[in-house]
PDB file of N, CA and C in Angstrom:
ATOM      1  N   MET A   1     -36.808  21.205  21.157  1.00  0.00           N
ATOM      2  CA  MET A   1     -35.611  20.692  20.528  1.00  0.00           C
ATOM      3  C   MET A   1     -34.770  19.987  21.591  1.00  0.00           C
ATOM      4  N   ASP A   2     -34.146  18.906  21.231  1.00  0.00           N
ATOM      5  CA  ASP A   2     -33.268  18.220  22.176  1.00  0.00           C
ATOM      6  C   ASP A   2     -31.904  18.007  21.539  1.00  0.00           C
ATOM      7  N   SER A   3     -31.009  17.493  22.306  1.00  0.00           N
ATOM      8  CA  SER A   3     -29.646  17.297  21.812  1.00  0.00           C
ATOM      9  C   SER A   3     -29.425  15.863  21.358  1.00  0.00           C
ATOM     10  N   ALA A   4     -30.423  15.258  20.722  1.00  0.00           N
ATOM     11  CA  ALA A   4     -30.368  13.849  20.347  1.00  0.00           C
ATOM     12  C   ALA A   4     -29.225  13.523  19.400  1.00  0.00           C
ATOM     13  N   ARG A   5     -28.962  14.397  18.442  1.00  0.00           N
ATOM     14  CA  ARG A   5     -27.879  14.107  17.489  1.00  0.00           C
ATOM     15  C   ARG A   5     -26.516  14.127  18.165  1.00  0.00           C
ATOM     16  N   ASN A   6     -26.413  14.850  19.256  1.00  0.00           N
ATOM     17  CA  ASN A   6     -25.145  14.949  19.973  1.00  0.00           C
ATOM     18  C   ASN A   6     -25.076  14.028  21.181  1.00  0.00           C
ATOM     19  N   LEU A   7     -26.152  13.307  21.459  1.00  0.00           N
ATOM     20  CA  LEU A   7     -26.234  12.506  22.668  1.00  0.00           C
ATOM     21  C   LEU A   7     -25.103  11.482  22.816  1.00  0.00           C
ATOM     22  N   PRO A   8     -24.732  10.728  21.773  1.00  0.00           N
ATOM     23  CA  PRO A   8     -23.620   9.773  21.943  1.00  0.00           C
ATOM     24  C   PRO A   8     -22.315  10.465  22.359  1.00  0.00           C
ATOM     25  N   LEU A   9     -22.024  11.602  21.760  1.00  0.00           N
ATOM     26  CA  LEU A   9     -20.810  12.334  22.107  1.00  0.00           C
ATOM     27  C   LEU A   9     -20.883  12.842  23.549  1.00  0.00           C
ATOM     28  N   LEU A  10     -22.038  13.370  23.947  1.00  0.00           N
ATOM     29  CA  LEU A  10     -22.206  13.871  25.308  1.00  0.00           C
ATOM     30  C   LEU A  10     -22.076  12.740  26.330  1.00  0.00           C
ATOM     31  N   ASN A  11     -22.642  11.579  26.021  1.00  0.00           N
ATOM     32  CA  ASN A  11     -22.533  10.422  26.918  1.00  0.00           C
ATOM     33  C   ASN A  11     -21.079   9.961  27.051  1.00  0.00           C
ATOM     34  N   ASP A  12     -20.370   9.927  25.925  1.00  0.00           N
ATOM     35  CA  ASP A  12     -18.948   9.542  25.965  1.00  0.00           C
ATOM     36  C   ASP A  12     -18.143  10.524  26.805  1.00  0.00           C
ATOM     37  N   TYR A  13     -18.455  11.808  26.684  1.00  0.00           N
ATOM     38  CA  TYR A  13     -17.726  12.816  27.452  1.00  0.00           C
ATOM     39  C   TYR A  13     -18.018  12.676  28.944  1.00  0.00           C
ATOM     40  N   GLN A  14     -19.263  12.363  29.295  1.00  0.00           N
ATOM     41  CA  GLN A  14     -19.607  12.153  30.699  1.00  0.00           C
ATOM     42  C   GLN A  14     -18.827  10.970  31.271  1.00  0.00           C
ATOM     43  N   THR A  15     -18.720   9.905  30.509  1.00  0.00           N
ATOM     44  CA  THR A  15     -17.943   8.744  30.936  1.00  0.00           C
ATOM     45  C   THR A  15     -16.479   9.130  31.130  1.00  0.00           C
ATOM     46  N   TYR A  16     -15.937   9.883  30.201  1.00  0.00           N
ATOM     47  CA  TYR A  16     -14.558  10.353  30.305  1.00  0.00           C
ATOM     48  C   TYR A  16     -14.353  11.165  31.587  1.00  0.00           C
ATOM     49  N   LEU A  17     -15.274  12.083  31.868  1.00  0.00           N
ATOM     50  CA  LEU A  17     -15.134  12.920  33.062  1.00  0.00           C
ATOM     51  C   LEU A  17     -15.157  12.094  34.347  1.00  0.00           C
ATOM     52  N   ARG A  18     -16.059  11.100  34.380  1.00  0.00           N
ATOM     53  CA  ARG A  18     -16.181  10.276  35.590  1.00  0.00           C
ATOM     54  C   ARG A  18     -15.010   9.306  35.732  1.00  0.00           C
ATOM     55  N   VAL A  19     -14.702   8.594  34.662  1.00  0.00           N
ATOM     56  CA  VAL A  19     -13.733   7.501  34.749  1.00  0.00           C
ATOM     57  C   VAL A  19     -12.286   8.001  34.645  1.00  0.00           C
ATOM     58  N   GLU A  20     -11.995   8.749  33.604  1.00  0.00           N
ATOM     59  CA  GLU A  20     -10.619   9.171  33.360  1.00  0.00           C
ATOM     60  C   GLU A  20     -10.194  10.347  34.240  1.00  0.00           C
ATOM     61  N   LYS A  21     -11.085  11.327  34.392  1.00  0.00           N
ATOM     62  CA  LYS A  21     -10.735  12.521  35.162  1.00  0.00           C
ATOM     63  C   LYS A  21     -11.099  12.393  36.635  1.00  0.00           C
ATOM     64  N   GLY A  22     -11.976  11.450  36.973  1.00  0.00           N
ATOM     65  CA  GLY A  22     -12.353  11.228  38.359  1.00  0.00           C
ATOM     66  C   GLY A  22     -13.146  12.373  38.983  1.00  0.00           C
ATOM     67  N   LEU A  23     -13.920  13.075  38.159  1.00  0.00           N
ATOM     68  CA  LEU A  23     -14.687  14.202  38.690  1.00  0.00           C
ATOM     69  C   LEU A  23     -15.882  13.719  39.507  1.00  0.00           C
ATOM     70  N   ARG A  24     -16.290  14.539  40.447  1.00  0.00           N
ATOM     71  CA  ARG A  24     -17.415  14.223  41.329  1.00  0.00           C
ATOM     72  C   ARG A  24     -18.716  14.255  40.535  1.00  0.00           C
ATOM     73  N   PRO A  25     -19.721  13.488  40.978  1.00  0.00           N
ATOM     74  CA  PRO A  25     -21.000  13.414  40.255  1.00  0.00           C
ATOM     75  C   PRO A  25     -21.665  14.769  40.025  1.00  0.00           C
ATOM     76  N   LEU A  26     -21.664  15.646  41.013  1.00  0.00           N
ATOM     77  CA  LEU A  26     -22.318  16.943  40.822  1.00  0.00           C
ATOM     78  C   LEU A  26     -21.577  17.811  39.812  1.00  0.00           C
ATOM     79  N   THR A  27     -20.282  17.687  39.751  1.00  0.00           N
ATOM     80  CA  THR A  27     -19.505  18.410  38.750  1.00  0.00           C
ATOM     81  C   THR A  27     -19.860  17.904  37.354  1.00  0.00           C
ATOM     82  N   CYS A  28     -19.952  16.580  37.225  1.00  0.00           N
ATOM     83  CA  CYS A  28     -20.328  15.985  35.940  1.00  0.00           C
ATOM     84  C   CYS A  28     -21.723  16.424  35.522  1.00  0.00           C
ATOM     85  N   GLU A  29     -22.655  16.473  36.475  1.00  0.00           N
ATOM     86  CA  GLU A  29     -24.017  16.925  36.164  1.00  0.00           C
ATOM     87  C   GLU A  29     -24.021  18.372  35.686  1.00  0.00           C
ATOM     88  N   ALA A  30     -23.226  19.216  36.321  1.00  0.00           N
ATOM     89  CA  ALA A  30     -23.150  20.618  35.911  1.00  0.00           C
ATOM     90  C   ALA A  30     -22.597  20.730  34.491  1.00  0.00           C
ATOM     91  N   TYR A  31     -21.519  20.010  34.199  1.00  0.00           N
ATOM     92  CA  TYR A  31     -20.962  20.019  32.849  1.00  0.00           C
ATOM     93  C   TYR A  31     -21.999  19.515  31.857  1.00  0.00           C
ATOM     94  N   ASP A  32     -22.704  18.449  32.221  1.00  0.00           N
ATOM     95  CA  ASP A  32     -23.691  17.856  31.332  1.00  0.00           C
ATOM     96  C   ASP A  32     -24.795  18.860  30.985  1.00  0.00           C
ATOM     97  N   GLY A  33     -25.293  19.558  31.979  1.00  0.00           N
ATOM     98  CA  GLY A  33     -26.342  20.542  31.719  1.00  0.00           C
ATOM     99  C   GLY A  33     -25.872  21.651  30.798  1.00  0.00           C
ATOM    100  N   ASP A  34     -24.676  22.163  31.050  1.00  0.00           N
ATOM    101  CA  ASP A  34     -24.138  23.230  30.202  1.00  0.00           C
ATOM    102  C   ASP A  34     -23.891  22.746  28.777  1.00  0.00           C
ATOM    103  N   LEU A  35     -23.329  21.553  28.652  1.00  0.00           N
ATOM    104  CA  LEU A  35     -23.042  21.028  27.314  1.00  0.00           C
ATOM    105  C   LEU A  35     -24.317  20.703  26.535  1.00  0.00           C
ATOM    106  N   LYS A  36     -25.354  20.226  27.224  1.00  0.00           N
ATOM    107  CA  LYS A  36     -26.620  19.973  26.536  1.00  0.00           C
ATOM    108  C   LYS A  36     -27.242  21.275  26.043  1.00  0.00           C
ATOM    109  N   THR A  37     -27.148  22.325  26.849  1.00  0.00           N
ATOM    110  CA  THR A  37     -27.648  23.630  26.414  1.00  0.00           C
ATOM    111  C   THR A  37     -26.885  24.109  25.188  1.00  0.00           C
ATOM    112  N   PHE A  38     -25.567  23.957  25.211  1.00  0.00           N
ATOM    113  CA  PHE A  38     -24.745  24.359  24.073  1.00  0.00           C
ATOM    114  C   PHE A  38     -25.064  23.506  22.845  1.00  0.00           C
ATOM    115  N   ALA A  39     -25.240  22.202  23.049  1.00  0.00           N
ATOM    116  CA  ALA A  39     -25.567  21.308  21.930  1.00  0.00           C
ATOM    117  C   ALA A  39     -26.898  21.703  21.299  1.00  0.00           C
ATOM    118  N   GLU A  40     -27.875  22.064  22.114  1.00  0.00           N
ATOM    119  CA  GLU A  40     -29.163  22.504  21.582  1.00  0.00           C
ATOM    120  C   GLU A  40     -29.010  23.797  20.784  1.00  0.00           C
ATOM    121  N   PHE A  41     -28.166  24.691  21.246  1.00  0.00           N
ATOM    122  CA  PHE A  41     -27.887  25.928  20.519  1.00  0.00           C
ATOM    123  C   PHE A  41     -27.288  25.613  19.151  1.00  0.00           C
ATOM    124  N   ILE A  42     -26.294  24.715  19.133  1.00  0.00           N
ATOM    125  CA  ILE A  42     -25.650  24.337  17.868  1.00  0.00           C
ATOM    126  C   ILE A  42     -26.649  23.634  16.956  1.00  0.00           C
ATOM    127  N   GLU A  43     -27.463  22.739  17.501  1.00  0.00           N
ATOM    128  CA  GLU A  43     -28.455  22.046  16.684  1.00  0.00           C
ATOM    129  C   GLU A  43     -29.493  23.011  16.131  1.00  0.00           C
ATOM    130  N   GLY A  44     -29.785  24.069  16.878  1.00  0.00           N
ATOM    131  CA  GLY A  44     -30.700  25.094  16.381  1.00  0.00           C
ATOM    132  C   GLY A  44     -30.165  25.784  15.135  1.00  0.00           C
ATOM    133  N   ARG A  45     -28.877  25.690  14.957  1.00  0.00           N
ATOM    134  CA  ARG A  45     -28.233  26.239  13.757  1.00  0.00           C
ATOM    135  C   ARG A  45     -27.919  25.114  12.774  1.00  0.00           C
ATOM    136  N   HIS A  46     -28.587  23.986  12.944  1.00  0.00           N
ATOM    137  CA  HIS A  46     -28.465  22.816  12.063  1.00  0.00           C
ATOM    138  C   HIS A  46     -27.058  22.238  12.063  1.00  0.00           C
ATOM    139  N   GLY A  47     -26.461  22.180  13.230  1.00  0.00           N
ATOM    140  CA  GLY A  47     -25.111  21.637  13.331  1.00  0.00           C
ATOM    141  C   GLY A  47     -25.009  20.574  14.400  1.00  0.00           C
ATOM    142  N   VAL A  48     -23.851  19.985  14.486  1.00  0.00           N
ATOM    143  CA  VAL A  48     -23.533  19.031  15.543  1.00  0.00           C
ATOM    144  C   VAL A  48     -22.207  19.457  16.162  1.00  0.00           C
ATOM    145  N   LEU A  49     -21.962  19.043  17.377  1.00  0.00           N
ATOM    146  CA  LEU A  49     -20.780  19.491  18.102  1.00  0.00           C
ATOM    147  C   LEU A  49     -19.476  19.162  17.380  1.00  0.00           C
ATOM    148  N   LEU A  50     -19.378  17.975  16.819  1.00  0.00           N
ATOM    149  CA  LEU A  50     -18.117  17.565  16.189  1.00  0.00           C
ATOM    150  C   LEU A  50     -17.751  18.392  14.972  1.00  0.00           C
ATOM    151  N   THR A  51     -18.740  18.974  14.297  1.00  0.00           N
ATOM    152  CA  THR A  51     -18.450  19.738  13.082  1.00  0.00           C
ATOM    153  C   THR A  51     -18.696  21.229  13.260  1.00  0.00           C
ATOM    154  N   ALA A  52     -18.989  21.664  14.479  1.00  0.00           N
ATOM    155  CA  ALA A  52     -19.248  23.086  14.713  1.00  0.00           C
ATOM    156  C   ALA A  52     -17.991  23.903  14.420  1.00  0.00           C
ATOM    157  N   ALA A  53     -18.203  25.008  13.734  1.00  0.00           N
ATOM    158  CA  ALA A  53     -17.115  25.924  13.408  1.00  0.00           C
ATOM    159  C   ALA A  53     -17.322  27.226  14.174  1.00  0.00           C
ATOM    160  N   GLN A  54     -16.337  28.083  14.135  1.00  0.00           N
ATOM    161  CA  GLN A  54     -16.403  29.328  14.887  1.00  0.00           C
ATOM    162  C   GLN A  54     -17.642  30.147  14.506  1.00  0.00           C
ATOM    163  N   GLN A  55     -18.006  30.192  13.241  1.00  0.00           N
ATOM    164  CA  GLN A  55     -19.175  30.966  12.845  1.00  0.00           C
ATOM    165  C   GLN A  55     -20.476  30.364  13.384  1.00  0.00           C
ATOM    166  N   ASP A  56     -20.480  29.066  13.692  1.00  0.00           N
ATOM    167  CA  ASP A  56     -21.659  28.440  14.302  1.00  0.00           C
ATOM    168  C   ASP A  56     -21.807  28.845  15.762  1.00  0.00           C
ATOM    169  N   VAL A  57     -20.704  29.142  16.391  1.00  0.00           N
ATOM    170  CA  VAL A  57     -20.695  29.447  17.815  1.00  0.00           C
ATOM    171  C   VAL A  57     -20.940  30.930  18.068  1.00  0.00           C
ATOM    172  N   ARG A  58     -20.488  31.764  17.160  1.00  0.00           N
ATOM    173  CA  ARG A  58     -20.632  33.205  17.332  1.00  0.00           C
ATOM    174  C   ARG A  58     -22.089  33.589  17.094  1.00  0.00           C
ATOM    175  N   PRO A  59     -22.808  33.975  18.148  1.00  0.00           N
ATOM    176  CA  PRO A  59     -24.221  34.314  17.979  1.00  0.00           C
ATOM    177  C   PRO A  59     -24.404  35.662  17.289  1.00  0.00           C
ATOM    178  N   SER A  60     -25.521  35.776  16.595  1.00  0.00           N
ATOM    179  CA  SER A  60     -25.869  37.069  16.016  1.00  0.00           C
ATOM    180  C   SER A  60     -26.392  37.969  17.129  1.00  0.00           C
ATOM    181  N   SER A  61     -26.537  39.240  16.868  1.00  0.00           N
ATOM    182  CA  SER A  61     -27.039  40.155  17.901  1.00  0.00           C
ATOM    183  C   SER A  61     -28.454  39.781  18.313  1.00  0.00           C
ATOM    184  N   ASN A  62     -29.266  39.269  17.382  1.00  0.00           N
ATOM    185  CA  ASN A  62     -30.635  38.845  17.718  1.00  0.00           C
ATOM    186  C   ASN A  62     -30.613  37.634  18.646  1.00  0.00           C
ATOM    187  N   THR A  63     -29.724  36.696  18.385  1.00  0.00           N
ATOM    188  CA  THR A  63     -29.634  35.501  19.218  1.00  0.00           C
ATOM    189  C   THR A  63     -29.180  35.862  20.618  1.00  0.00           C
ATOM    190  N   CYS A  64     -28.199  36.740  20.719  1.00  0.00           N
ATOM    191  CA  CYS A  64     -27.683  37.142  22.027  1.00  0.00           C
ATOM    192  C   CYS A  64     -28.782  37.763  22.883  1.00  0.00           C
ATOM    193  N   ALA A  65     -29.607  38.551  22.283  1.00  0.00           N
ATOM    194  CA  ALA A  65     -30.644  39.253  23.043  1.00  0.00           C
ATOM    195  C   ALA A  65     -31.667  38.302  23.635  1.00  0.00           C
ATOM    196  N   THR A  66     -31.809  37.117  23.061  1.00  0.00           N
ATOM    197  CA  THR A  66     -32.824  36.188  23.538  1.00  0.00           C
ATOM    198  C   THR A  66     -32.265  35.041  24.363  1.00  0.00           C
ATOM    199  N   MET A  67     -30.966  34.967  24.518  1.00  0.00           N
ATOM    200  CA  MET A  67     -30.387  33.879  25.303  1.00  0.00           C
ATOM    201  C   MET A  67     -30.678  34.101  26.782  1.00  0.00           C
ATOM    202  N   PRO A  68     -31.089  33.052  27.534  1.00  0.00           N
ATOM    203  CA  PRO A  68     -31.458  33.200  28.934  1.00  0.00           C
ATOM    204  C   PRO A  68     -30.372  33.830  29.789  1.00  0.00           C
ATOM    205  N   SER A  69     -29.116  33.447  29.602  1.00  0.00           N
ATOM    206  CA  SER A  69     -28.058  33.990  30.443  1.00  0.00           C
ATOM    207  C   SER A  69     -27.900  35.492  30.224  1.00  0.00           C
ATOM    208  N   THR A  70     -28.080  35.954  28.996  1.00  0.00           N
ATOM    209  CA  THR A  70     -27.960  37.381  28.706  1.00  0.00           C
ATOM    210  C   THR A  70     -29.093  38.152  29.375  1.00  0.00           C
ATOM    211  N   ARG A  71     -30.298  37.620  29.314  1.00  0.00           N
ATOM    212  CA  ARG A  71     -31.432  38.291  29.959  1.00  0.00           C
ATOM    213  C   ARG A  71     -31.221  38.372  31.458  1.00  0.00           C
ATOM    214  N   ALA A  72     -30.710  37.292  32.060  1.00  0.00           N
ATOM    215  CA  ALA A  72     -30.483  37.274  33.504  1.00  0.00           C
ATOM    216  C   ALA A  72     -29.395  38.273  33.894  1.00  0.00           C
ATOM    217  N   GLN A  73     -28.354  38.375  33.088  1.00  0.00           N
ATOM    218  CA  GLN A  73     -27.282  39.320  33.380  1.00  0.00           C
ATOM    219  C   GLN A  73     -27.790  40.750  33.302  1.00  0.00           C
ATOM    220  N   ARG A  74     -28.661  41.037  32.339  1.00  0.00           N
ATOM    221  CA  ARG A  74     -29.206  42.386  32.209  1.00  0.00           C
ATOM    222  C   ARG A  74     -30.059  42.744  33.419  1.00  0.00           C
ATOM    223  N   ARG A  75     -30.856  41.783  33.917  1.00  0.00           N
ATOM    224  CA  ARG A  75     -31.684  42.049  35.084  1.00  0.00           C
ATOM    225  C   ARG A  75     -30.825  42.300  36.325  1.00  0.00           C
ATOM    226  N   ALA A  76     -29.686  41.608  36.403  1.00  0.00           N
ATOM    227  CA  ALA A  76     -28.836  41.731  37.581  1.00  0.00           C
ATOM    228  C   ALA A  76     -28.086  43.066  37.624  1.00  0.00           C
ATOM    229  N   SER A  77     -27.914  43.689  36.464  1.00  0.00           N
ATOM    230  CA  SER A  77     -27.135  44.946  36.450  1.00  0.00           C
ATOM    231  C   SER A  77     -27.995  46.173  36.625  1.00  0.00           C
TER     232      SER A  77
END
């Protein structure tokens, strides 16, 4: 799955961060990676970023257990 449906919005946001906010390239890349991961999560629930609602963002207990960051946090503790 990719974030194709959200790609125009993500590209516009990257431009905003670089041009308007003057953020450094590595900061923009970090934001881009995180936002693409989030966009893929939302698209997995058949949504897009502009119309995502709180219930789209709140993961179920099954989803939480399989998210990479949650697994990594469990291993670290």
